[in-house]
Amino acid sequence: VRAADEGKRALVFDQISRVDRQRLIHFVFERQREALAKVARVIDHRSAG
């Protein structure tokens, strides 16, 4: 784990297989889709109220 002065954190991989890299990319984008869908539901709920 790497931390910047601003407190931001990141994971650093020195080595990762091609298959594991693809799995990681899929995992990250799936979590991003879920987070964006959650935000959209909150916005829709607020707009309806």
PDB file of N, CA and C in Angstrom:
ATOM      1  N   VAL A   1       0.863  -1.179   0.000  1.00  0.00           N
ATOM      2  CA  VAL A   1       0.000   0.000   0.000  1.00  0.00           C
ATOM      3  C   VAL A   1       0.896   1.224   0.000  1.00  0.00           C
ATOM      4  N   ARG A   2       0.552   2.154  -0.859  1.00  0.00           N
ATOM      5  CA  ARG A   2       1.292   3.409  -0.961  1.00  0.00           C
ATOM      6  C   ARG A   2       0.373   4.531  -0.491  1.00  0.00           C
ATOM      7  N   ALA A   3       0.904   5.492   0.245  1.00  0.00           N
ATOM      8  CA  ALA A   3       0.105   6.625   0.726  1.00  0.00           C
ATOM      9  C   ALA A   3       0.755   7.927   0.272  1.00  0.00           C
ATOM     10  N   ALA A   4      -0.054   8.827  -0.261  1.00  0.00           N
ATOM     11  CA  ALA A   4       0.419  10.145  -0.686  1.00  0.00           C
ATOM     12  C   ALA A   4       0.314  11.116   0.483  1.00  0.00           C
ATOM     13  N   ASP A   5       0.920  12.274   0.321  1.00  0.00           N
ATOM     14  CA  ASP A   5       0.881  13.293   1.369  1.00  0.00           C
ATOM     15  C   ASP A   5      -0.547  13.724   1.699  1.00  0.00           C
ATOM     16  N   GLU A   6      -1.431  13.691   0.706  1.00  0.00           N
ATOM     17  CA  GLU A   6      -2.819  14.121   0.904  1.00  0.00           C
ATOM     18  C   GLU A   6      -3.653  13.055   1.605  1.00  0.00           C
ATOM     19  N   GLY A   7      -3.043  11.932   1.940  1.00  0.00           N
ATOM     20  CA  GLY A   7      -3.775  10.865   2.611  1.00  0.00           C
ATOM     21  C   GLY A   7      -4.391   9.846   1.671  1.00  0.00           C
ATOM     22  N   LYS A   8      -4.224  10.035   0.363  1.00  0.00           N
ATOM     23  CA  LYS A   8      -4.746   9.070  -0.603  1.00  0.00           C
ATOM     24  C   LYS A   8      -3.906   7.805  -0.536  1.00  0.00           C
ATOM     25  N   ARG A   9      -4.565   6.666  -0.675  1.00  0.00           N
ATOM     26  CA  ARG A   9      -3.865   5.387  -0.619  1.00  0.00           C
ATOM     27  C   ARG A   9      -4.049   4.625  -1.924  1.00  0.00           C
ATOM     28  N   ALA A  10      -3.075   3.804  -2.254  1.00  0.00           N
ATOM     29  CA  ALA A  10      -3.135   3.008  -3.477  1.00  0.00           C
ATOM     30  C   ALA A  10      -2.414   1.690  -3.258  1.00  0.00           C
ATOM     31  N   LEU A  11      -2.853   0.684  -3.993  1.00  0.00           N
ATOM     32  CA  LEU A  11      -2.161  -0.599  -3.982  1.00  0.00           C
ATOM     33  C   LEU A  11      -1.144  -0.602  -5.108  1.00  0.00           C
ATOM     34  N   VAL A  12      -0.004  -1.209  -4.864  1.00  0.00           N
ATOM     35  CA  VAL A  12       1.040  -1.311  -5.866  1.00  0.00           C
ATOM     36  C   VAL A  12       1.369  -2.783  -6.052  1.00  0.00           C
ATOM     37  N   PHE A  13       1.355  -3.231  -7.300  1.00  0.00           N
ATOM     38  CA  PHE A  13       1.690  -4.619  -7.609  1.00  0.00           C
ATOM     39  C   PHE A  13       3.023  -4.639  -8.339  1.00  0.00           C
ATOM     40  N   ASP A  14       4.003  -5.322  -7.771  1.00  0.00           N
ATOM     41  CA  ASP A  14       5.293  -5.459  -8.439  1.00  0.00           C
ATOM     42  C   ASP A  14       5.202  -6.469  -9.571  1.00  0.00           C
ATOM     43  N   GLN A  15       4.455  -7.539  -9.335  1.00  0.00           N
ATOM     44  CA  GLN A  15       4.254  -8.568 -10.350  1.00  0.00           C
ATOM     45  C   GLN A  15       2.832  -9.079 -10.244  1.00  0.00           C
ATOM     46  N   ILE A  16       2.206  -9.288 -11.396  1.00  0.00           N
ATOM     47  CA  ILE A  16       0.862  -9.847 -11.416  1.00  0.00           C
ATOM     48  C   ILE A  16       0.709 -10.582 -12.749  1.00  0.00           C
ATOM     49  N   SER A  17       0.147 -11.762 -12.693  1.00  0.00           N
ATOM     50  CA  SER A  17      -0.014 -12.534 -13.924  1.00  0.00           C
ATOM     51  C   SER A  17      -1.076 -11.891 -14.804  1.00  0.00           C
ATOM     52  N   ARG A  18      -1.066 -12.229 -16.066  1.00  0.00           N
ATOM     53  CA  ARG A  18      -2.042 -11.682 -17.009  1.00  0.00           C
ATOM     54  C   ARG A  18      -3.463 -12.037 -16.577  1.00  0.00           C
ATOM     55  N   VAL A  19      -3.662 -13.274 -16.159  1.00  0.00           N
ATOM     56  CA  VAL A  19      -4.990 -13.727 -15.719  1.00  0.00           C
ATOM     57  C   VAL A  19      -5.426 -12.966 -14.470  1.00  0.00           C
ATOM     58  N   ASP A  20      -4.540 -12.840 -13.496  1.00  0.00           N
ATOM     59  CA  ASP A  20      -4.885 -12.106 -12.276  1.00  0.00           C
ATOM     60  C   ASP A  20      -5.128 -10.626 -12.563  1.00  0.00           C
ATOM     61  N   ARG A  21      -4.392 -10.074 -13.510  1.00  0.00           N
ATOM     62  CA  ARG A  21      -4.606  -8.675 -13.893  1.00  0.00           C
ATOM     63  C   ARG A  21      -6.012  -8.497 -14.458  1.00  0.00           C
ATOM     64  N   GLN A  22      -6.434  -9.402 -15.319  1.00  0.00           N
ATOM     65  CA  GLN A  22      -7.781  -9.323 -15.884  1.00  0.00           C
ATOM     66  C   GLN A  22      -8.846  -9.481 -14.802  1.00  0.00           C
ATOM     67  N   ARG A  23      -8.623 -10.391 -13.868  1.00  0.00           N
ATOM     68  CA  ARG A  23      -9.566 -10.579 -12.761  1.00  0.00           C
ATOM     69  C   ARG A  23      -9.658  -9.317 -11.910  1.00  0.00           C
ATOM     70  N   LEU A  24      -8.515  -8.692 -11.644  1.00  0.00           N
ATOM     71  CA  LEU A  24      -8.491  -7.464 -10.853  1.00  0.00           C
ATOM     72  C   LEU A  24      -9.237  -6.337 -11.563  1.00  0.00           C
ATOM     73  N   ILE A  25      -8.992  -6.184 -12.851  1.00  0.00           N
ATOM     74  CA  ILE A  25      -9.681  -5.153 -13.626  1.00  0.00           C
ATOM     75  C   ILE A  25     -11.187  -5.383 -13.586  1.00  0.00           C
ATOM     76  N   HIS A  26     -11.612  -6.622 -13.778  1.00  0.00           N
ATOM     77  CA  HIS A  26     -13.040  -6.948 -13.724  1.00  0.00           C
ATOM     78  C   HIS A  26     -13.619  -6.593 -12.354  1.00  0.00           C
ATOM     79  N   PHE A  27     -12.908  -6.950 -11.296  1.00  0.00           N
ATOM     80  CA  PHE A  27     -13.358  -6.675  -9.930  1.00  0.00           C
ATOM     81  C   PHE A  27     -13.526  -5.172  -9.700  1.00  0.00           C
ATOM     82  N   VAL A  28     -12.527  -4.398 -10.091  1.00  0.00           N
ATOM     83  CA  VAL A  28     -12.564  -2.946  -9.872  1.00  0.00           C
ATOM     84  C   VAL A  28     -13.720  -2.311 -10.637  1.00  0.00           C
ATOM     85  N   PHE A  29     -13.884  -2.674 -11.903  1.00  0.00           N
ATOM     86  CA  PHE A  29     -14.954  -2.075 -12.690  1.00  0.00           C
ATOM     87  C   PHE A  29     -16.328  -2.511 -12.209  1.00  0.00           C
ATOM     88  N   GLU A  30     -16.461  -3.739 -11.730  1.00  0.00           N
ATOM     89  CA  GLU A  30     -17.737  -4.194 -11.179  1.00  0.00           C
ATOM     90  C   GLU A  30     -18.098  -3.383  -9.938  1.00  0.00           C
ATOM     91  N   ARG A  31     -17.127  -3.136  -9.062  1.00  0.00           N
ATOM     92  CA  ARG A  31     -17.387  -2.322  -7.871  1.00  0.00           C
ATOM     93  C   ARG A  31     -17.751  -0.895  -8.258  1.00  0.00           C
ATOM     94  N   GLN A  32     -17.104  -0.371  -9.291  1.00  0.00           N
ATOM     95  CA  GLN A  32     -17.420   0.979  -9.751  1.00  0.00           C
ATOM     96  C   GLN A  32     -18.850   1.033 -10.290  1.00  0.00           C
ATOM     97  N   ARG A  33     -19.253   0.032 -11.069  1.00  0.00           N
ATOM     98  CA  ARG A  33     -20.628  -0.008 -11.587  1.00  0.00           C
ATOM     99  C   ARG A  33     -21.640  -0.046 -10.448  1.00  0.00           C
ATOM    100  N   GLU A  34     -21.352  -0.860  -9.424  1.00  0.00           N
ATOM    101  CA  GLU A  34     -22.253  -0.952  -8.273  1.00  0.00           C
ATOM    102  C   GLU A  34     -22.358   0.387  -7.546  1.00  0.00           C
ATOM    103  N   ALA A  35     -21.236   1.061  -7.364  1.00  0.00           N
ATOM    104  CA  ALA A  35     -21.240   2.353  -6.667  1.00  0.00           C
ATOM    105  C   ALA A  35     -22.010   3.399  -7.467  1.00  0.00           C
ATOM    106  N   LEU A  36     -21.813   3.432  -8.775  1.00  0.00           N
ATOM    107  CA  LEU A  36     -22.525   4.399  -9.607  1.00  0.00           C
ATOM    108  C   LEU A  36     -24.023   4.116  -9.624  1.00  0.00           C
ATOM    109  N   ALA A  37     -24.399   2.846  -9.635  1.00  0.00           N
ATOM    110  CA  ALA A  37     -25.821   2.489  -9.597  1.00  0.00           C
ATOM    111  C   ALA A  37     -26.439   2.929  -8.278  1.00  0.00           C
ATOM    112  N   LYS A  38     -25.704   2.778  -7.194  1.00  0.00           N
ATOM    113  CA  LYS A  38     -26.204   3.200  -5.882  1.00  0.00           C
ATOM    114  C   LYS A  38     -26.413   4.713  -5.850  1.00  0.00           C
ATOM    115  N   VAL A  39     -25.472   5.463  -6.377  1.00  0.00           N
ATOM    116  CA  VAL A  39     -25.595   6.919  -6.427  1.00  0.00           C
ATOM    117  C   VAL A  39     -26.799   7.309  -7.283  1.00  0.00           C
ATOM    118  N   ALA A  40     -26.980   6.643  -8.403  1.00  0.00           N
ATOM    119  CA  ALA A  40     -28.113   6.948  -9.280  1.00  0.00           C
ATOM    120  C   ALA A  40     -29.433   6.691  -8.570  1.00  0.00           C
ATOM    121  N   ARG A  41     -29.511   5.616  -7.792  1.00  0.00           N
ATOM    122  CA  ARG A  41     -30.742   5.327  -7.047  1.00  0.00           C
ATOM    123  C   ARG A  41     -31.023   6.416  -6.018  1.00  0.00           C
ATOM    124  N   VAL A  42     -29.998   6.898  -5.344  1.00  0.00           N
ATOM    125  CA  VAL A  42     -30.174   7.965  -4.349  1.00  0.00           C
ATOM    126  C   VAL A  42     -30.658   9.239  -5.035  1.00  0.00           C
ATOM    127  N   ILE A  43     -30.062   9.573  -6.160  1.00  0.00           N
ATOM    128  CA  ILE A  43     -30.470  10.780  -6.895  1.00  0.00           C
ATOM    129  C   ILE A  43     -31.913  10.640  -7.372  1.00  0.00           C
ATOM    130  N   ASP A  44     -32.272   9.473  -7.920  1.00  0.00           N
ATOM    131  CA  ASP A  44     -33.649   9.248  -8.374  1.00  0.00           C
ATOM    132  C   ASP A  44     -34.628   9.359  -7.218  1.00  0.00           C
ATOM    133  N   HIS A  45     -34.254   8.807  -6.083  1.00  0.00           N
ATOM    134  CA  HIS A  45     -35.126   8.850  -4.903  1.00  0.00           C
ATOM    135  C   HIS A  45     -35.349  10.296  -4.457  1.00  0.00           C
ATOM    136  N   ARG A  46     -34.291  11.082  -4.454  1.00  0.00           N
ATOM    137  CA  ARG A  46     -34.407  12.491  -4.047  1.00  0.00           C
ATOM    138  C   ARG A  46     -35.233  13.290  -5.050  1.00  0.00           C
ATOM    139  N   SER A  47     -35.082  12.976  -6.330  1.00  0.00           N
ATOM    140  CA  SER A  47     -35.834  13.689  -7.364  1.00  0.00           C
ATOM    141  C   SER A  47     -37.321  13.369  -7.291  1.00  0.00           C
ATOM    142  N   ALA A  48     -37.648  12.139  -6.899  1.00  0.00           N
ATOM    143  CA  ALA A  48     -39.049  11.715  -6.830  1.00  0.00           C
ATOM    144  C   ALA A  48     -39.756  12.310  -5.616  1.00  0.00           C
ATOM    145  N   GLY A  49     -38.996  12.657  -4.591  1.00  0.00           N
ATOM    146  CA  GLY A  49     -39.581  13.123  -3.333  1.00  0.00           C
ATOM    147  C   GLY A  49     -39.887  14.535  -3.343  1.00  0.00           C
TER     148      GLY A  49
END
